[in-house]
Amino acid sequence: MGGNVDWKVPILGGEQMYQALKRLGRTTELVVYPDEYHEFNVPSHIKDRLERDLAWYAHFVKGESNSRPPGALTKP
């Protein structure tokens, strides 16, 4: 996840990681938030990012089978 105008951590690094994981056949997802910098300002983007974080932890860390898989959220 990242903003498309983040100059501190450009999204290019995330795109490269996404492509590498896809080639290895790993479950992966790339979410790019439009017009966001390093710290998000749009409330809907902040909410979406937090929901994605919680879904990832519930699915991969806690192993909750009733949780939404990380890709099940709507795109920003």
PDB file of N, CA and C in Angstrom:
ATOM      1  N   MET A   1       0.844  -1.179   0.000  1.00  0.00           N
ATOM      2  CA  MET A   1       0.000   0.000   0.000  1.00  0.00           C
ATOM      3  C   MET A   1       0.880   1.228   0.000  1.00  0.00           C
ATOM      4  N   GLY A   2       0.446   2.198  -0.756  1.00  0.00           N
ATOM      5  CA  GLY A   2       1.184   3.440  -0.753  1.00  0.00           C
ATOM      6  C   GLY A   2       0.490   4.506  -1.569  1.00  0.00           C
ATOM      7  N   GLY A   3       0.922   5.727  -1.361  1.00  0.00           N
ATOM      8  CA  GLY A   3       0.408   6.850  -2.130  1.00  0.00           C
ATOM      9  C   GLY A   3       1.199   7.025  -3.406  1.00  0.00           C
ATOM     10  N   ASN A   4       0.530   7.447  -4.457  1.00  0.00           N
ATOM     11  CA  ASN A   4       1.226   7.565  -5.735  1.00  0.00           C
ATOM     12  C   ASN A   4       2.122   8.794  -5.831  1.00  0.00           C
ATOM     13  N   VAL A   5       2.049   9.712  -4.877  1.00  0.00           N
ATOM     14  CA  VAL A   5       2.942  10.872  -4.879  1.00  0.00           C
ATOM     15  C   VAL A   5       3.793  10.920  -3.602  1.00  0.00           C
ATOM     16  N   ASP A   6       4.106   9.762  -3.063  1.00  0.00           N
ATOM     17  CA  ASP A   6       4.950   9.657  -1.860  1.00  0.00           C
ATOM     18  C   ASP A   6       6.411   9.751  -2.286  1.00  0.00           C
ATOM     19  N   TRP A   7       7.072  10.840  -1.875  1.00  0.00           N
ATOM     20  CA  TRP A   7       8.473  11.020  -2.250  1.00  0.00           C
ATOM     21  C   TRP A   7       9.418  10.409  -1.227  1.00  0.00           C
ATOM     22  N   LYS A   8       8.945  10.118  -0.014  1.00  0.00           N
ATOM     23  CA  LYS A   8       9.791   9.492   1.005  1.00  0.00           C
ATOM     24  C   LYS A   8      10.001   8.016   0.705  1.00  0.00           C
ATOM     25  N   VAL A   9       8.915   7.326   0.348  1.00  0.00           N
ATOM     26  CA  VAL A   9       8.971   5.906  -0.003  1.00  0.00           C
ATOM     27  C   VAL A   9       8.192   5.745  -1.307  1.00  0.00           C
ATOM     28  N   PRO A  10       8.860   5.953  -2.450  1.00  0.00           N
ATOM     29  CA  PRO A  10       8.150   5.885  -3.728  1.00  0.00           C
ATOM     30  C   PRO A  10       7.469   4.533  -3.949  1.00  0.00           C
ATOM     31  N   ILE A  11       6.323   4.570  -4.608  1.00  0.00           N
ATOM     32  CA  ILE A  11       5.528   3.372  -4.844  1.00  0.00           C
ATOM     33  C   ILE A  11       6.261   2.379  -5.748  1.00  0.00           C
ATOM     34  N   LEU A  12       7.282   2.828  -6.446  1.00  0.00           N
ATOM     35  CA  LEU A  12       8.045   1.946  -7.323  1.00  0.00           C
ATOM     36  C   LEU A  12       8.575   0.724  -6.571  1.00  0.00           C
ATOM     37  N   GLY A  13       9.027   0.921  -5.328  1.00  0.00           N
ATOM     38  CA  GLY A  13       9.515  -0.206  -4.529  1.00  0.00           C
ATOM     39  C   GLY A  13       8.415  -1.209  -4.246  1.00  0.00           C
ATOM     40  N   GLY A  14       7.214  -0.727  -3.953  1.00  0.00           N
ATOM     41  CA  GLY A  14       6.069  -1.601  -3.725  1.00  0.00           C
ATOM     42  C   GLY A  14       5.672  -2.342  -4.985  1.00  0.00           C
ATOM     43  N   GLU A  15       5.751  -1.655  -6.124  1.00  0.00           N
ATOM     44  CA  GLU A  15       5.417  -2.292  -7.398  1.00  0.00           C
ATOM     45  C   GLU A  15       6.401  -3.414  -7.718  1.00  0.00           C
ATOM     46  N   GLN A  16       7.673  -3.185  -7.442  1.00  0.00           N
ATOM     47  CA  GLN A  16       8.689  -4.210  -7.682  1.00  0.00           C
ATOM     48  C   GLN A  16       8.485  -5.406  -6.765  1.00  0.00           C
ATOM     49  N   MET A  17       8.166  -5.172  -5.504  1.00  0.00           N
ATOM     50  CA  MET A  17       7.911  -6.266  -4.571  1.00  0.00           C
ATOM     51  C   MET A  17       6.683  -7.053  -5.006  1.00  0.00           C
ATOM     52  N   TYR A  18       5.644  -6.351  -5.418  1.00  0.00           N
ATOM     53  CA  TYR A  18       4.423  -6.993  -5.895  1.00  0.00           C
ATOM     54  C   TYR A  18       4.726  -7.923  -7.077  1.00  0.00           C
ATOM     55  N   GLN A  19       5.468  -7.433  -8.062  1.00  0.00           N
ATOM     56  CA  GLN A  19       5.803  -8.250  -9.230  1.00  0.00           C
ATOM     57  C   GLN A  19       6.640  -9.468  -8.838  1.00  0.00           C
ATOM     58  N   ALA A  20       7.589  -9.286  -7.931  1.00  0.00           N
ATOM     59  CA  ALA A  20       8.431 -10.407  -7.490  1.00  0.00           C
ATOM     60  C   ALA A  20       7.592 -11.473  -6.786  1.00  0.00           C
ATOM     61  N   LEU A  21       6.695 -11.059  -5.910  1.00  0.00           N
ATOM     62  CA  LEU A  21       5.839 -12.017  -5.202  1.00  0.00           C
ATOM     63  C   LEU A  21       4.883 -12.732  -6.148  1.00  0.00           C
ATOM     64  N   LYS A  22       4.338 -12.010  -7.128  1.00  0.00           N
ATOM     65  CA  LYS A  22       3.458 -12.626  -8.118  1.00  0.00           C
ATOM     66  C   LYS A  22       4.197 -13.695  -8.907  1.00  0.00           C
ATOM     67  N   ARG A  23       5.423 -13.399  -9.297  1.00  0.00           N
ATOM     68  CA  ARG A  23       6.218 -14.369 -10.065  1.00  0.00           C
ATOM     69  C   ARG A  23       6.547 -15.611  -9.251  1.00  0.00           C
ATOM     70  N   LEU A  24       6.627 -15.444  -7.938  1.00  0.00           N
ATOM     71  CA  LEU A  24       6.884 -16.593  -7.055  1.00  0.00           C
ATOM     72  C   LEU A  24       5.592 -17.335  -6.719  1.00  0.00           C
ATOM     73  N   GLY A  25       4.463 -16.838  -7.203  1.00  0.00           N
ATOM     74  CA  GLY A  25       3.182 -17.489  -6.957  1.00  0.00           C
ATOM     75  C   GLY A  25       2.610 -17.234  -5.580  1.00  0.00           C
ATOM     76  N   ARG A  26       3.056 -16.176  -4.935  1.00  0.00           N
ATOM     77  CA  ARG A  26       2.573 -15.845  -3.598  1.00  0.00           C
ATOM     78  C   ARG A  26       1.287 -15.016  -3.665  1.00  0.00           C
ATOM     79  N   THR A  27       0.488 -15.114  -2.617  1.00  0.00           N
ATOM     80  CA  THR A  27      -0.693 -14.270  -2.506  1.00  0.00           C
ATOM     81  C   THR A  27      -0.223 -12.853  -2.236  1.00  0.00           C
ATOM     82  N   THR A  28      -0.600 -11.948  -3.104  1.00  0.00           N
ATOM     83  CA  THR A  28      -0.148 -10.568  -2.947  1.00  0.00           C
ATOM     84  C   THR A  28      -1.175  -9.613  -3.541  1.00  0.00           C
ATOM     85  N   GLU A  29      -1.069  -8.391  -3.143  1.00  0.00           N
ATOM     86  CA  GLU A  29      -1.986  -7.360  -3.602  1.00  0.00           C
ATOM     87  C   GLU A  29      -1.254  -6.030  -3.538  1.00  0.00           C
ATOM     88  N   LEU A  30      -1.457  -5.190  -4.531  1.00  0.00           N
ATOM     89  CA  LEU A  30      -0.870  -3.862  -4.555  1.00  0.00           C
ATOM     90  C   LEU A  30      -2.002  -2.847  -4.539  1.00  0.00           C
ATOM     91  N   VAL A  31      -1.969  -1.955  -3.571  1.00  0.00           N
ATOM     92  CA  VAL A  31      -2.987  -0.909  -3.464  1.00  0.00           C
ATOM     93  C   VAL A  31      -2.269   0.433  -3.530  1.00  0.00           C
ATOM     94  N   VAL A  32      -2.622   1.227  -4.537  1.00  0.00           N
ATOM     95  CA  VAL A  32      -2.035   2.557  -4.711  1.00  0.00           C
ATOM     96  C   VAL A  32      -3.147   3.577  -4.525  1.00  0.00           C
ATOM     97  N   TYR A  33      -2.943   4.469  -3.578  1.00  0.00           N
ATOM     98  CA  TYR A  33      -3.940   5.499  -3.271  1.00  0.00           C
ATOM     99  C   TYR A  33      -3.618   6.757  -4.080  1.00  0.00           C
ATOM    100  N   PRO A  34      -4.572   7.238  -4.868  1.00  0.00           N
ATOM    101  CA  PRO A  34      -4.326   8.411  -5.704  1.00  0.00           C
ATOM    102  C   PRO A  34      -4.170   9.695  -4.894  1.00  0.00           C
ATOM    103  N   ASP A  35      -3.240  10.507  -5.329  1.00  0.00           N
ATOM    104  CA  ASP A  35      -3.014  11.840  -4.748  1.00  0.00           C
ATOM    105  C   ASP A  35      -2.692  11.811  -3.256  1.00  0.00           C
ATOM    106  N   GLU A  36      -2.040  10.733  -2.802  1.00  0.00           N
ATOM    107  CA  GLU A  36      -1.639  10.647  -1.393  1.00  0.00           C
ATOM    108  C   GLU A  36      -0.112  10.671  -1.295  1.00  0.00           C
ATOM    109  N   TYR A  37       0.354  11.318  -0.245  1.00  0.00           N
ATOM    110  CA  TYR A  37       1.780  11.390   0.033  1.00  0.00           C
ATOM    111  C   TYR A  37       2.137  10.320   1.066  1.00  0.00           C
ATOM    112  N   HIS A  38       3.201  10.529   1.807  1.00  0.00           N
ATOM    113  CA  HIS A  38       3.648   9.534   2.782  1.00  0.00           C
ATOM    114  C   HIS A  38       2.636   9.366   3.913  1.00  0.00           C
ATOM    115  N   GLU A  39       2.075  10.454   4.357  1.00  0.00           N
ATOM    116  CA  GLU A  39       1.010  10.405   5.363  1.00  0.00           C
ATOM    117  C   GLU A  39      -0.300  10.737   4.673  1.00  0.00           C
ATOM    118  N   PHE A  40      -1.274   9.856   4.818  1.00  0.00           N
ATOM    119  CA  PHE A  40      -2.540  10.017   4.120  1.00  0.00           C
ATOM    120  C   PHE A  40      -3.361  11.154   4.723  1.00  0.00           C
ATOM    121  N   ASN A  41      -4.105  11.853   3.864  1.00  0.00           N
ATOM    122  CA  ASN A  41      -4.953  12.957   4.303  1.00  0.00           C
ATOM    123  C   ASN A  41      -6.433  12.728   4.032  1.00  0.00           C
ATOM    124  N   VAL A  42      -6.761  11.904   3.048  1.00  0.00           N
ATOM    125  CA  VAL A  42      -8.153  11.662   2.684  1.00  0.00           C
ATOM    126  C   VAL A  42      -8.751  10.650   3.668  1.00  0.00           C
ATOM    127  N   PRO A  43      -9.802  11.042   4.398  1.00  0.00           N
ATOM    128  CA  PRO A  43     -10.361  10.145   5.413  1.00  0.00           C
ATOM    129  C   PRO A  43     -10.759   8.767   4.890  1.00  0.00           C
ATOM    130  N   SER A  44     -11.324   8.682   3.694  1.00  0.00           N
ATOM    131  CA  SER A  44     -11.717   7.372   3.155  1.00  0.00           C
ATOM    132  C   SER A  44     -10.499   6.496   2.870  1.00  0.00           C
ATOM    133  N   HIS A  45      -9.377   7.106   2.499  1.00  0.00           N
ATOM    134  CA  HIS A  45      -8.144   6.338   2.271  1.00  0.00           C
ATOM    135  C   HIS A  45      -7.572   5.840   3.597  1.00  0.00           C
ATOM    136  N   ILE A  46      -7.629   6.673   4.621  1.00  0.00           N
ATOM    137  CA  ILE A  46      -7.145   6.277   5.945  1.00  0.00           C
ATOM    138  C   ILE A  46      -7.966   5.092   6.456  1.00  0.00           C
ATOM    139  N   LYS A  47      -9.272   5.180   6.330  1.00  0.00           N
ATOM    140  CA  LYS A  47     -10.164   4.105   6.771  1.00  0.00           C
ATOM    141  C   LYS A  47      -9.896   2.820   5.990  1.00  0.00           C
ATOM    142  N   ASP A  48      -9.762   2.938   4.678  1.00  0.00           N
ATOM    143  CA  ASP A  48      -9.505   1.770   3.840  1.00  0.00           C
ATOM    144  C   ASP A  48      -8.184   1.101   4.219  1.00  0.00           C
ATOM    145  N   ARG A  49      -7.166   1.906   4.434  1.00  0.00           N
ATOM    146  CA  ARG A  49      -5.855   1.365   4.798  1.00  0.00           C
ATOM    147  C   ARG A  49      -5.917   0.613   6.132  1.00  0.00           C
ATOM    148  N   LEU A  50      -6.579   1.193   7.118  1.00  0.00           N
ATOM    149  CA  LEU A  50      -6.698   0.537   8.422  1.00  0.00           C
ATOM    150  C   LEU A  50      -7.499  -0.757   8.328  1.00  0.00           C
ATOM    151  N   GLU A  51      -8.573  -0.749   7.537  1.00  0.00           N
ATOM    152  CA  GLU A  51      -9.359  -1.971   7.359  1.00  0.00           C
ATOM    153  C   GLU A  51      -8.545  -3.059   6.678  1.00  0.00           C
ATOM    154  N   ARG A  52      -7.731  -2.691   5.713  1.00  0.00           N
ATOM    155  CA  ARG A  52      -6.868  -3.663   5.040  1.00  0.00           C
ATOM    156  C   ARG A  52      -5.825  -4.224   6.004  1.00  0.00           C
ATOM    157  N   ASP A  53      -5.254  -3.361   6.833  1.00  0.00           N
ATOM    158  CA  ASP A  53      -4.282  -3.830   7.836  1.00  0.00           C
ATOM    159  C   ASP A  53      -4.931  -4.834   8.786  1.00  0.00           C
ATOM    160  N   LEU A  54      -6.096  -4.496   9.299  1.00  0.00           N
ATOM    161  CA  LEU A  54      -6.792  -5.392  10.227  1.00  0.00           C
ATOM    162  C   LEU A  54      -7.163  -6.721   9.569  1.00  0.00           C
ATOM    163  N   ALA A  55      -7.615  -6.667   8.310  1.00  0.00           N
ATOM    164  CA  ALA A  55      -7.969  -7.899   7.592  1.00  0.00           C
ATOM    165  C   ALA A  55      -6.736  -8.774   7.394  1.00  0.00           C
ATOM    166  N   TRP A  56      -5.589  -8.163   7.076  1.00  0.00           N
ATOM    167  CA  TRP A  56      -4.356  -8.919   6.869  1.00  0.00           C
ATOM    168  C   TRP A  56      -3.942  -9.625   8.162  1.00  0.00           C
ATOM    169  N   TYR A  57      -3.930  -8.879   9.274  1.00  0.00           N
ATOM    170  CA  TYR A  57      -3.556  -9.477  10.558  1.00  0.00           C
ATOM    171  C   TYR A  57      -4.509 -10.594  10.962  1.00  0.00           C
ATOM    172  N   ALA A  58      -5.808 -10.363  10.786  1.00  0.00           N
ATOM    173  CA  ALA A  58      -6.786 -11.384  11.156  1.00  0.00           C
ATOM    174  C   ALA A  58      -6.594 -12.646  10.323  1.00  0.00           C
ATOM    175  N   HIS A  59      -6.318 -12.498   9.051  1.00  0.00           N
ATOM    176  CA  HIS A  59      -6.203 -13.641   8.157  1.00  0.00           C
ATOM    177  C   HIS A  59      -4.867 -14.367   8.312  1.00  0.00           C
ATOM    178  N   PHE A  60      -3.757 -13.625   8.246  1.00  0.00           N
ATOM    179  CA  PHE A  60      -2.436 -14.247   8.203  1.00  0.00           C
ATOM    180  C   PHE A  60      -1.779 -14.445   9.561  1.00  0.00           C
ATOM    181  N   VAL A  61      -2.058 -13.585  10.513  1.00  0.00           N
ATOM    182  CA  VAL A  61      -1.418 -13.700  11.826  1.00  0.00           C
ATOM    183  C   VAL A  61      -2.292 -14.499  12.789  1.00  0.00           C
ATOM    184  N   LYS A  62      -3.537 -14.091  12.898  1.00  0.00           N
ATOM    185  CA  LYS A  62      -4.432 -14.755  13.844  1.00  0.00           C
ATOM    186  C   LYS A  62      -5.050 -16.024  13.269  1.00  0.00           C
ATOM    187  N   GLY A  63      -5.051 -16.163  11.935  1.00  0.00           N
ATOM    188  CA  GLY A  63      -5.597 -17.344  11.301  1.00  0.00           C
ATOM    189  C   GLY A  63      -7.101 -17.470  11.413  1.00  0.00           C
ATOM    190  N   GLU A  64      -7.779 -16.351  11.514  1.00  0.00           N
ATOM    191  CA  GLU A  64      -9.235 -16.366  11.651  1.00  0.00           C
ATOM    192  C   GLU A  64      -9.871 -16.747  10.317  1.00  0.00           C
ATOM    193  N   SER A  65     -10.595 -17.843  10.314  1.00  0.00           N
ATOM    194  CA  SER A  65     -11.217 -18.306   9.074  1.00  0.00           C
ATOM    195  C   SER A  65     -12.439 -17.486   8.703  1.00  0.00           C
ATOM    196  N   ASN A  66     -13.036 -16.817   9.665  1.00  0.00           N
ATOM    197  CA  ASN A  66     -14.224 -16.012   9.370  1.00  0.00           C
ATOM    198  C   ASN A  66     -13.879 -14.587   8.954  1.00  0.00           C
ATOM    199  N   SER A  67     -12.589 -14.259   8.912  1.00  0.00           N
ATOM    200  CA  SER A  67     -12.193 -12.911   8.517  1.00  0.00           C
ATOM    201  C   SER A  67     -12.186 -12.792   6.988  1.00  0.00           C
ATOM    202  N   ARG A  68     -12.316 -11.555   6.536  1.00  0.00           N
ATOM    203  CA  ARG A  68     -12.255 -11.314   5.099  1.00  0.00           C
ATOM    204  C   ARG A  68     -10.824 -11.511   4.637  1.00  0.00           C
ATOM    205  N   PRO A  69     -10.626 -12.208   3.527  1.00  0.00           N
ATOM    206  CA  PRO A  69      -9.271 -12.273   2.986  1.00  0.00           C
ATOM    207  C   PRO A  69      -8.832 -10.878   2.575  1.00  0.00           C
ATOM    208  N   PRO A  70      -7.557 -10.575   2.614  1.00  0.00           N
ATOM    209  CA  PRO A  70      -7.080  -9.212   2.342  1.00  0.00           C
ATOM    210  C   PRO A  70      -7.562  -8.617   1.030  1.00  0.00           C
ATOM    211  N   GLY A  71      -7.765  -9.395  -0.007  1.00  0.00           N
ATOM    212  CA  GLY A  71      -8.197  -8.850  -1.283  1.00  0.00           C
ATOM    213  C   GLY A  71      -9.690  -8.600  -1.393  1.00  0.00           C
ATOM    214  N   ALA A  72     -10.439  -8.886  -0.343  1.00  0.00           N
ATOM    215  CA  ALA A  72     -11.895  -8.805  -0.409  1.00  0.00           C
ATOM    216  C   ALA A  72     -12.437  -7.392  -0.218  1.00  0.00           C
ATOM    217  N   LEU A  73     -11.590  -6.454   0.125  1.00  0.00           N
ATOM    218  CA  LEU A  73     -12.049  -5.071   0.333  1.00  0.00           C
ATOM    219  C   LEU A  73     -12.158  -4.354  -0.993  1.00  0.00           C
ATOM    220  N   THR A  74     -12.993  -3.346  -1.045  1.00  0.00           N
ATOM    221  CA  THR A  74     -13.122  -2.567  -2.273  1.00  0.00           C
ATOM    222  C   THR A  74     -11.885  -1.717  -2.474  1.00  0.00           C
ATOM    223  N   LYS A  75     -11.621  -1.417  -3.703  1.00  0.00           N
ATOM    224  CA  LYS A  75     -10.441  -0.598  -4.044  1.00  0.00           C
ATOM    225  C   LYS A  75     -10.731   0.864  -3.727  1.00  0.00           C
ATOM    226  N   PRO A  76      -9.665   1.623  -3.341  1.00  0.00           N
ATOM    227  CA  PRO A  76      -9.866   3.040  -3.023  1.00  0.00           C
ATOM    228  C   PRO A  76     -10.238   3.840  -4.250  1.00  0.00           C
TER     229      PRO A  76
END
